[in-house]
Protein backbone atom coordinates (compact mmCIF):
# COMPACT_ATOMS: atom_id res chain seq x y z
CA MET A 1 -0.41 0.33 -0.32
CA ALA A 2 1.39 3.40 -1.02
CA PHE A 3 1.01 5.89 2.10
CA SER A 4 -0.25 9.44 1.57
CA ALA A 5 1.52 11.88 3.92
CA LEU A 6 -1.43 13.76 6.67
CA ARG A 7 -0.14 16.10 9.25
CA LEU A 8 -3.33 16.06 11.38
CA LEU A 9 -4.17 18.48 14.18
CA LEU A 10 -6.94 18.06 16.53
CA LEU A 11 -8.45 21.15 18.04
CA GLY A 12 -10.83 22.18 21.22
CA ASP A 13 -11.60 21.23 24.16
CA SER A 14 -11.52 17.85 26.46
CA LEU A 15 -13.01 15.73 23.92
CA ALA A 16 -10.56 16.53 21.55
CA PHE A 17 -8.48 16.30 23.59
CA GLY A 18 -9.37 12.71 25.45
CA THR A 19 -9.71 13.63 28.72
CA GLY A 20 -11.70 11.02 29.97
CA ALA A 21 -9.68 7.90 28.13
CA ALA A 22 -7.67 5.48 30.15
CA ARG A 23 -4.63 5.38 28.09
CA PRO A 24 -3.94 8.33 25.46
CA ALA A 25 -4.01 5.43 22.42
CA ASP A 26 -8.35 5.94 23.46
CA ALA A 27 -8.31 9.53 22.54
CA LEU A 28 -10.10 10.66 19.46
CA GLY A 29 -7.05 11.63 18.53
CA PRO A 30 -5.13 8.62 18.06
CA ARG A 31 -8.48 6.69 17.46
CA LEU A 32 -8.78 9.02 14.20
CA ALA A 33 -4.79 8.37 13.34
CA ARG A 34 -5.53 5.02 13.08
CA ALA A 35 -8.13 5.06 10.85
CA LEU A 36 -6.52 7.30 8.16
CA THR A 37 -3.51 4.80 8.85
CA ASP A 38 -5.91 1.94 7.84
CA ASP A 39 -6.77 3.88 4.80
CA GLY A 40 -2.97 4.17 3.06
CA PHE A 41 -1.69 7.93 4.57
CA ASP A 42 0.89 8.01 7.35
CA VAL A 43 -0.18 10.56 9.75
CA ASP A 44 1.86 13.23 11.36
CA LEU A 45 -0.85 13.91 14.44
CA HIS A 46 0.25 17.04 16.44
CA VAL A 47 -3.23 17.21 19.29
CA LEU A 48 -3.53 21.10 20.52
CA ALA A 49 -6.90 20.91 22.07
CA VAL A 50 -6.88 22.25 25.44
CA PRO A 51 -9.30 20.64 28.63
CA GLY A 52 -11.52 23.04 29.49
CA ALA A 53 -11.65 25.28 26.33
CA VAL A 54 -14.41 27.95 24.66
CA SER A 55 -14.74 28.57 21.37
CA ALA A 56 -12.52 32.40 22.18
CA GLY A 57 -9.62 29.88 22.87
CA LEU A 58 -9.51 28.64 19.72
CA ALA A 59 -7.20 31.88 18.50
CA ASP A 60 -5.05 30.62 20.38
CA GLN A 61 -5.06 26.72 19.31
CA VAL A 62 -4.59 28.11 15.75
CA ARG A 63 -1.18 30.00 16.37
CA ARG A 64 0.36 27.81 18.05
CA ALA A 65 -1.19 25.12 14.61
CA LEU A 66 -0.01 27.47 11.96
CA PRO A 67 3.75 26.95 12.11
CA LEU A 68 2.85 23.63 11.87
CA SER A 69 1.28 23.72 8.02
CA ALA A 70 -1.14 20.56 8.57
CA ASP A 71 -3.44 19.45 6.07
CA LEU A 72 -6.06 18.62 8.49
CA ALA A 73 -7.45 19.84 11.29
CA VAL A 74 -10.34 18.45 13.47
CA VAL A 75 -12.44 21.01 15.60
CA VAL A 76 -14.26 19.49 18.56
CA VAL A 77 -16.00 22.59 20.72
CA GLY A 78 -18.99 23.70 21.97
CA ALA A 79 -19.38 21.74 25.40
CA ASN A 80 -17.58 24.02 27.80
CA ASP A 81 -19.39 27.39 25.77
CA LEU A 82 -22.92 25.28 26.88
CA ALA A 83 -21.81 25.17 30.23
CA ARG A 84 -20.61 28.30 30.51
CA PHE A 85 -23.48 30.33 28.98
CA VAL A 86 -21.44 31.73 26.68
CA PRO A 87 -23.36 33.41 23.21
CA ALA A 88 -24.41 31.01 20.50
CA GLU A 89 -23.28 34.40 18.74
CA GLN A 90 -20.17 34.71 20.29
CA ALA A 91 -19.28 31.29 20.74
CA ALA A 92 -19.48 31.12 15.95
CA THR A 93 -18.15 33.97 16.09
CA ALA A 94 -14.44 32.63 17.28
CA LEU A 95 -14.79 29.37 15.50
CA SER A 96 -15.88 31.18 12.51
CA ALA A 97 -11.92 33.93 13.18
CA ALA A 98 -10.64 29.63 13.41
CA VAL A 99 -11.76 28.34 10.45
CA THR A 100 -11.06 31.33 7.99
CA ALA A 101 -7.69 31.64 9.70
CA LEU A 102 -6.60 27.59 9.37
CA ARG A 103 -8.11 27.73 5.83
CA ALA A 104 -6.01 31.45 4.49
CA ALA A 105 -3.17 28.81 5.39
CA GLY A 106 -3.86 25.95 3.22
CA THR A 107 -5.74 23.58 6.37
CA ASP A 108 -8.42 21.75 5.78
CA VAL A 109 -11.12 22.16 8.92
CA VAL A 110 -14.04 19.12 9.97
CA VAL A 111 -15.79 20.55 12.68
CA VAL A 112 -17.97 18.56 15.03
CA PRO A 113 -20.75 21.02 16.04
CA ALA A 114 -21.03 20.42 20.65
CA PRO A 115 -22.41 18.17 21.57
CA ASP A 116 -26.07 17.32 22.92
CA MET A 117 -25.34 18.23 27.04
CA SER A 118 -28.70 16.94 27.74
CA MET A 119 -27.64 13.20 26.84
CA VAL A 120 -24.90 14.02 30.58
CA PRO A 121 -26.68 12.29 33.47
CA PHE A 122 -25.96 14.26 35.51
CA VAL A 123 -28.81 17.01 33.84
CA PRO A 124 -31.89 16.67 35.39
CA PRO A 125 -35.10 15.22 33.44
CA ALA A 126 -37.02 18.60 33.70
CA LEU A 127 -34.40 20.72 31.54
CA ARG A 128 -33.28 18.71 29.34
CA ALA A 129 -35.19 19.67 26.93
CA LEU A 130 -34.04 23.25 26.91
CA VAL A 131 -30.56 21.93 27.41
CA ARG A 132 -31.08 19.97 24.41
CA GLY A 133 -32.77 22.99 22.77
CA ALA A 134 -29.84 25.48 23.26
CA CYS A 135 -27.53 22.63 22.43
CA ALA A 136 -28.93 22.78 19.19
CA VAL A 137 -29.18 26.93 18.34
CA LEU A 138 -25.20 26.48 18.87
CA GLN A 139 -25.30 24.12 16.56
CA ARG A 140 -26.61 25.50 13.97
CA ARG A 141 -24.48 28.67 14.32
CA GLN A 142 -21.41 26.55 14.73
CA SER A 143 -22.30 24.80 10.99
CA GLN A 144 -23.55 27.73 9.40
CA VAL A 145 -20.21 29.34 9.51
CA ALA A 146 -17.91 26.80 9.42
CA THR A 147 -19.96 25.76 5.86
CA THR A 148 -19.83 29.24 4.85
CA GLY A 149 -15.43 29.44 5.82
CA GLY A 150 -15.03 26.67 4.15
CA ALA A 151 -15.17 23.87 6.62
CA THR A 152 -17.22 20.09 6.45
CA VAL A 153 -19.30 19.99 8.90
CA ALA A 154 -19.49 16.17 10.69
CA PRO A 155 -22.79 15.76 12.17
CA VAL A 156 -22.32 13.38 14.61
CA ALA A 157 -23.76 14.82 17.86
CA ALA A 158 -27.54 13.16 17.66
CA GLU A 159 -26.16 9.74 16.72
CA VAL A 160 -23.05 9.88 19.80
CA ALA A 161 -26.16 11.40 21.96
CA ARG A 162 -28.46 8.37 21.62
CA ALA A 163 -25.36 5.57 22.27
CA PHE A 164 -24.60 8.20 25.56
CA SER A 165 -27.56 7.94 26.35
CA ALA A 166 -28.44 3.97 25.94
CA ASP A 167 -25.10 2.97 27.40
CA PRO A 168 -23.71 4.94 30.78
CA ALA A 169 -20.54 3.12 30.23
CA LEU A 170 -19.45 5.44 27.58
CA PHE A 171 -19.05 7.88 30.46
CA SER A 172 -15.90 7.99 31.99
CA PRO A 173 -15.83 8.10 36.16
CA ASP A 174 -16.83 11.44 36.25
CA ARG A 175 -19.90 10.78 34.09
CA PHE A 176 -19.02 13.96 31.93
CA HIS A 177 -16.34 13.24 29.26
CA PRO A 178 -16.25 9.97 27.73
CA SER A 179 -14.73 6.99 28.52
CA SER A 180 -12.39 4.72 26.32
CA ALA A 181 -15.41 2.76 25.09
CA GLY A 182 -16.82 6.25 24.47
CA TYR A 183 -14.34 8.18 22.33
CA ALA A 184 -14.65 4.39 20.28
CA ARG A 185 -18.12 4.96 20.01
CA ILE A 186 -17.49 8.87 19.05
CA ALA A 187 -15.03 7.99 16.02
CA GLY A 188 -16.32 5.53 14.79
CA VAL A 189 -19.18 7.63 14.11
CA LEU A 190 -16.37 10.65 13.46
CA ALA A 191 -13.77 9.05 11.11
CA PRO A 192 -16.47 8.79 7.65
CA TYR A 193 -16.05 12.67 7.49
CA VAL A 194 -12.29 13.06 8.74
CA LEU A 195 -11.22 9.48 6.05
CA ALA A 196 -13.70 11.65 3.47
CA ALA A 197 -11.85 15.12 3.79
CA ALA A 198 -8.29 13.42 3.71
CA ARG A 199 -9.19 11.07 0.70
CA ALA A 200 -10.21 14.75 -0.97
CA ARG A 201 -6.97 16.14 0.34
CA ARG A 202 -4.49 13.29 -1.21
CA GLY A 203 -7.11 13.56 -4.43
CA ASP A 204 -6.27 16.78 -4.81
CA ALA A 205 -2.55 16.73 -4.49
CA ALA A 206 -2.69 13.96 -6.97
CA ALA A 207 -4.16 15.79 -9.87
């Protein structure tokens, strides 16, 4: 198999960083890197995500990303904006700036909108519809600015929420972050979008 070089970045919050995974290899970045390797890519992975980051924190991550001249960046952000009541428009504006800067540098971008926080076990059942609605507002704005900025949107939140709601083992002991099994599930639904972006990049390079 001929391997294509691919420099992959993970930007965003604790989900992109891998908080809750039992081993570093179980985190989202390494799992996506393995999926890409299986598809014929020689992956150089850099995880620049910061646990606890809100969308405004992407600016610093992008500054660290630009010298790397990456081929593909996966941006996972929004959970902390929701938890800290950051207005959706403010969060979306920060995401838009990050996408614009990465695309201007020649990096392809896959944006993973905010998760559905109503699935988190400690959210009271009476508030889940309200939380789900707030998440949907942010997800829509994130998707809009990502698409406008030339990024690929990976709308995996609903599928991930169904899986996590049905299986508590997908949560780590803190009942907030994913477990290793949870990251495996997230990577499984996210990988097709990342693979598609990487394949398109490889096709462009070969043309």
